[in-house]
């Protein structure tokens, strides 16, 4: 279980997170919602170790990980799919997937069959360069690369951004499988409300670096939905 408790984060004098608390449990999807610039990506960067926190606690599977490097967090089972995908454009699909080996012991360095079962196009394009793939294919590659690490926590930053509807459905099915069949804890930052609503077991809404609303997934399609949507309106 991931437990975020009263986390604050600063960029110089600017405070990006203000006492943020949320959780992500195995076999569940927690979605983080909010407008652009409210601190969602900063929260994910704090979780995976790309930016140190100023206060509060980050605990994963009962251990304090707030001072661990990104590599050590990856070795503890935390996978990250960043906004913008960060695919290596000159490496092949195979080579991009194999970069996920870095956090694994030598005996586990193989690409799981599930990557190609969820995203068949990757198996068909193993020798294509990452930069030659469409945006949707690159997003599938980024998720596949994270899966190579065998994560127990998967952190995704706006996986539907700029993606065509057919691939959004594929990504939704993959997240559902990873939650239900692989038992992963999934923390999903998303602005596409319908996508988030269909997947969420729990949600939290952020505004100006704070959590301003939280609840269970079913509440997103119940009486609280209009209020939720207002927090996402620019």
Protein backbone atom coordinates (compact mmCIF):
# COMPACT_ATOMS: atom_id res chain seq x y z
CA UNK A 1 0.00 0.00 0.00
CA UNK A 2 1.17 3.52 -0.84
CA UNK A 3 0.51 6.09 1.87
CA UNK A 4 1.07 9.79 1.21
CA UNK A 5 0.72 11.83 4.40
CA UNK A 6 0.79 15.65 4.67
CA UNK A 7 3.36 15.97 1.87
CA UNK A 8 4.71 19.39 0.99
CA UNK A 9 7.02 20.12 -1.94
CA UNK A 10 8.71 23.33 -3.04
CA UNK A 11 10.43 24.59 -6.16
CA UNK A 12 12.58 27.33 -4.70
CA UNK A 13 10.21 29.75 -2.97
CA UNK A 14 7.13 28.33 -4.74
CA UNK A 15 5.19 25.68 -2.85
CA UNK A 16 3.76 23.12 -5.27
CA UNK A 17 2.21 20.74 -2.72
CA UNK A 18 0.56 21.75 0.54
CA UNK A 19 -0.13 18.96 2.98
CA UNK A 20 -1.28 16.39 0.42
CA UNK A 21 -2.53 13.01 1.66
CA UNK A 22 -3.79 10.06 -0.39
CA UNK A 23 -3.43 6.30 -0.69
CA UNK A 24 -3.18 3.62 -3.39
CA UNK A 25 -3.95 0.01 -2.49
CA UNK A 26 -3.12 -3.26 -4.27
CA UNK A 27 -5.81 -4.26 -6.74
CA UNK A 28 -7.25 -0.74 -6.88
CA UNK A 29 -6.97 2.39 -9.02
CA UNK A 30 -6.69 5.76 -7.29
CA UNK A 31 -7.20 8.65 -9.68
CA UNK A 32 -5.85 12.15 -9.06
CA UNK A 33 -7.89 14.82 -10.82
CA UNK A 34 -7.54 18.57 -11.29
CA UNK A 35 -6.87 21.38 -13.73
CA UNK A 36 -3.44 22.01 -15.25
CA UNK A 37 -0.89 23.42 -12.85
CA UNK A 38 -2.49 22.33 -9.56
CA UNK A 39 0.34 20.00 -8.47
CA UNK A 40 -0.66 16.60 -9.87
CA UNK A 41 2.62 15.94 -11.68
CA UNK A 42 4.58 17.30 -8.72
CA UNK A 43 2.88 14.70 -6.54
CA UNK A 44 3.91 11.89 -8.89
CA UNK A 45 7.47 13.21 -9.11
CA UNK A 46 7.63 13.15 -5.31
CA UNK A 47 6.38 9.55 -5.20
CA UNK A 48 8.91 8.21 -7.71
CA UNK A 49 11.81 10.25 -6.32
CA UNK A 50 12.32 12.80 -9.07
CA UNK A 51 11.92 15.66 -6.59
CA UNK A 52 12.50 15.65 -2.86
CA UNK A 53 9.72 16.60 -0.48
CA UNK A 54 9.91 19.41 2.06
CA UNK A 55 7.72 17.73 4.65
CA UNK A 56 5.36 14.86 5.33
CA UNK A 57 5.83 11.15 4.65
CA UNK A 58 5.78 8.74 1.69
CA UNK A 59 5.44 5.10 2.71
CA UNK A 60 5.33 2.10 0.41
CA UNK A 61 4.59 -1.37 1.74
CA UNK A 62 5.13 -0.04 5.25
CA UNK A 63 8.58 1.48 4.63
CA UNK A 64 9.51 5.15 4.46
CA UNK A 65 10.84 5.78 0.94
CA UNK A 66 10.95 9.59 0.97
CA UNK A 67 14.75 9.72 0.93
CA UNK A 68 15.38 6.87 -1.50
CA UNK A 69 16.70 7.53 -5.01
CA UNK A 70 14.47 6.86 -8.04
CA UNK A 71 16.48 3.70 -8.80
CA UNK A 72 15.97 2.29 -5.31
CA UNK A 73 12.26 3.05 -5.50
CA UNK A 74 12.08 1.26 -8.85
CA UNK A 75 13.87 -1.73 -7.31
CA UNK A 76 11.20 -1.75 -4.59
CA UNK A 77 8.50 -2.21 -7.23
CA UNK A 78 7.45 1.31 -8.23
CA UNK A 79 6.95 1.81 -11.98
CA UNK A 80 6.44 5.21 -13.60
CA UNK A 81 4.87 6.24 -16.90
CA UNK A 82 5.65 9.98 -17.17
CA UNK A 83 3.70 12.66 -18.95
CA UNK A 84 5.10 12.94 -22.46
CA UNK A 85 6.07 9.24 -22.42
CA UNK A 86 9.86 9.86 -22.57
CA UNK A 87 10.41 7.16 -25.17
CA UNK A 88 13.98 6.99 -26.53
CA UNK A 89 13.42 7.99 -30.17
CA UNK A 90 16.58 6.42 -31.64
CA UNK A 91 16.24 3.11 -29.82
CA UNK A 92 14.09 0.31 -31.20
CA UNK A 93 10.91 -0.81 -29.50
CA UNK A 94 12.83 -3.83 -28.16
CA UNK A 95 15.63 -1.64 -26.82
CA UNK A 96 13.15 0.77 -25.21
CA UNK A 97 11.46 -2.14 -23.45
CA UNK A 98 14.80 -3.51 -22.33
CA UNK A 99 15.66 -0.25 -20.55
CA UNK A 100 13.22 -1.53 -17.91
CA UNK A 101 15.78 -4.23 -17.08
CA UNK A 102 17.92 -1.72 -15.16
CA UNK A 103 15.92 -2.16 -11.94
CA UNK A 104 15.80 -5.97 -12.16
CA UNK A 105 18.14 -8.75 -11.01
CA UNK A 106 19.84 -10.50 -13.94
CA UNK A 107 17.70 -13.59 -13.59
CA UNK A 108 14.51 -11.61 -14.20
CA UNK A 109 15.64 -9.67 -17.26
CA UNK A 110 13.09 -10.71 -19.84
CA UNK A 111 10.08 -8.99 -21.38
CA UNK A 112 6.87 -10.47 -19.90
CA UNK A 113 4.45 -12.05 -22.37
CA UNK A 114 1.69 -9.86 -20.91
CA UNK A 115 3.23 -6.78 -22.55
CA UNK A 116 2.48 -8.20 -26.00
CA UNK A 117 -0.88 -9.67 -24.96
CA UNK A 118 -2.06 -6.23 -23.83
CA UNK A 119 -0.33 -4.30 -26.62
CA UNK A 120 0.05 -6.60 -29.68
CA UNK A 121 1.32 -3.74 -31.84
CA UNK A 122 4.57 -3.70 -29.84
CA UNK A 123 5.31 -7.28 -30.83
CA UNK A 124 4.77 -6.35 -34.46
CA UNK A 125 7.12 -3.35 -34.28
CA UNK A 126 10.03 -4.65 -32.22
CA UNK A 127 12.65 -3.44 -34.69
CA UNK A 128 11.07 -0.03 -35.36
CA UNK A 129 12.61 3.02 -33.73
CA UNK A 130 10.64 4.56 -30.90
CA UNK A 131 10.59 7.92 -32.66
CA UNK A 132 8.82 6.38 -35.66
CA UNK A 133 5.80 5.27 -33.63
CA UNK A 134 2.59 7.29 -33.37
CA UNK A 135 1.78 9.04 -30.11
CA UNK A 136 -0.62 6.29 -29.09
CA UNK A 137 1.90 3.57 -29.89
CA UNK A 138 4.55 5.43 -27.88
CA UNK A 139 2.17 5.54 -24.93
CA UNK A 140 1.67 1.79 -25.15
CA UNK A 141 5.45 1.40 -25.32
CA UNK A 142 5.91 3.56 -22.21
CA UNK A 143 3.40 1.45 -20.27
CA UNK A 144 5.00 -1.75 -21.58
CA UNK A 145 8.44 -0.52 -20.49
CA UNK A 146 7.10 0.04 -16.97
CA UNK A 147 5.54 -3.43 -16.99
CA UNK A 148 8.94 -4.95 -17.78
CA UNK A 149 10.02 -3.85 -14.28
CA UNK A 150 7.29 -6.07 -12.70
CA UNK A 151 5.99 -3.17 -10.60
CA UNK A 152 3.65 -3.62 -7.66
CA UNK A 153 2.78 0.08 -7.84
CA UNK A 154 2.23 1.70 -11.24
CA UNK A 155 2.18 5.50 -11.41
CA UNK A 156 0.75 6.97 -14.64
CA UNK A 157 0.73 10.66 -15.56
CA UNK A 158 -2.11 11.49 -18.00
CA UNK A 159 -1.81 8.41 -20.25
CA UNK A 160 -4.69 9.56 -22.49
CA UNK A 161 -3.19 12.96 -23.34
CA UNK A 162 -3.19 13.45 -27.13
CA UNK A 163 -4.19 9.83 -27.79
CA UNK A 164 -6.78 8.64 -30.32
CA UNK A 165 -9.99 7.09 -28.88
CA UNK A 166 -9.26 3.52 -30.02
CA UNK A 167 -5.94 3.46 -28.15
CA UNK A 168 -7.51 5.12 -25.10
CA UNK A 169 -9.78 2.06 -24.92
CA UNK A 170 -6.76 -0.25 -25.18
CA UNK A 171 -5.03 1.63 -22.36
CA UNK A 172 -8.16 1.44 -20.22
CA UNK A 173 -8.37 -2.32 -20.75
CA UNK A 174 -4.69 -2.67 -19.86
CA UNK A 175 -5.09 -0.71 -16.62
CA UNK A 176 -8.14 -2.82 -15.71
CA UNK A 177 -6.13 -6.02 -16.30
CA UNK A 178 -3.15 -4.77 -14.28
CA UNK A 179 -5.46 -3.92 -11.38
CA UNK A 180 -7.68 -6.99 -11.45
CA UNK A 181 -5.41 -9.77 -12.71
CA UNK A 182 -1.93 -8.58 -11.72
CA UNK A 183 -3.15 -7.03 -8.44
CA UNK A 184 -1.16 -3.83 -8.88
CA UNK A 185 -1.75 -0.68 -6.92
CA UNK A 186 -2.29 2.01 -9.56
CA UNK A 187 -2.08 5.77 -9.11
CA UNK A 188 -3.45 7.54 -12.16
CA UNK A 189 -3.30 11.27 -12.87
CA UNK A 190 -5.95 12.13 -15.44
CA UNK A 191 -7.93 15.05 -16.86
CA UNK A 192 -10.25 12.97 -19.06
CA UNK A 193 -13.10 12.62 -16.58
CA UNK A 194 -15.00 9.76 -18.24
CA UNK A 195 -11.84 7.64 -18.49
CA UNK A 196 -11.00 8.30 -14.82
CA UNK A 197 -14.56 7.64 -13.68
CA UNK A 198 -14.71 4.26 -15.41
CA UNK A 199 -11.49 3.09 -13.74
CA UNK A 200 -11.43 4.68 -10.30
CA UNK A 201 -11.85 2.76 -7.07
CA UNK A 202 -10.92 5.92 -5.20
CA UNK A 203 -10.27 9.50 -6.28
CA UNK A 204 -8.84 12.74 -4.99
CA UNK A 205 -9.16 16.18 -6.57
CA UNK A 206 -6.38 18.73 -6.30
CA UNK A 207 -6.44 22.51 -6.53
CA UNK A 208 -3.54 24.88 -5.85
CA UNK A 209 -1.38 22.13 -4.41
CA UNK A 210 -4.00 20.76 -2.01
CA UNK A 211 -6.50 17.91 -1.98
CA UNK A 212 -9.89 19.62 -1.98
CA UNK A 213 -12.16 16.62 -2.50
CA UNK A 214 -11.86 12.84 -2.19
CA UNK A 215 -14.05 9.77 -2.12
CA UNK A 216 -14.83 6.39 -3.66
CA UNK A 217 -15.06 5.61 -7.34
CA UNK A 218 -18.83 5.08 -7.36
CA UNK A 219 -19.30 8.63 -6.07
CA UNK A 220 -17.81 9.94 -9.32
CA UNK A 221 -20.91 8.76 -11.18
CA UNK A 222 -23.32 9.66 -8.39
CA UNK A 223 -24.57 12.90 -6.88
CA UNK A 224 -21.06 14.31 -6.46
CA UNK A 225 -20.28 14.15 -10.19
CA UNK A 226 -21.37 17.75 -11.00
CA UNK A 227 -19.16 19.11 -8.23
CA UNK A 228 -16.26 16.98 -9.41
CA UNK A 229 -16.59 18.23 -12.97
CA UNK A 230 -16.56 21.84 -11.76
CA UNK A 231 -13.09 21.30 -10.25
CA UNK A 232 -11.88 20.23 -13.70
CA UNK A 233 -13.33 23.19 -15.57
CA UNK A 234 -10.81 25.83 -16.57
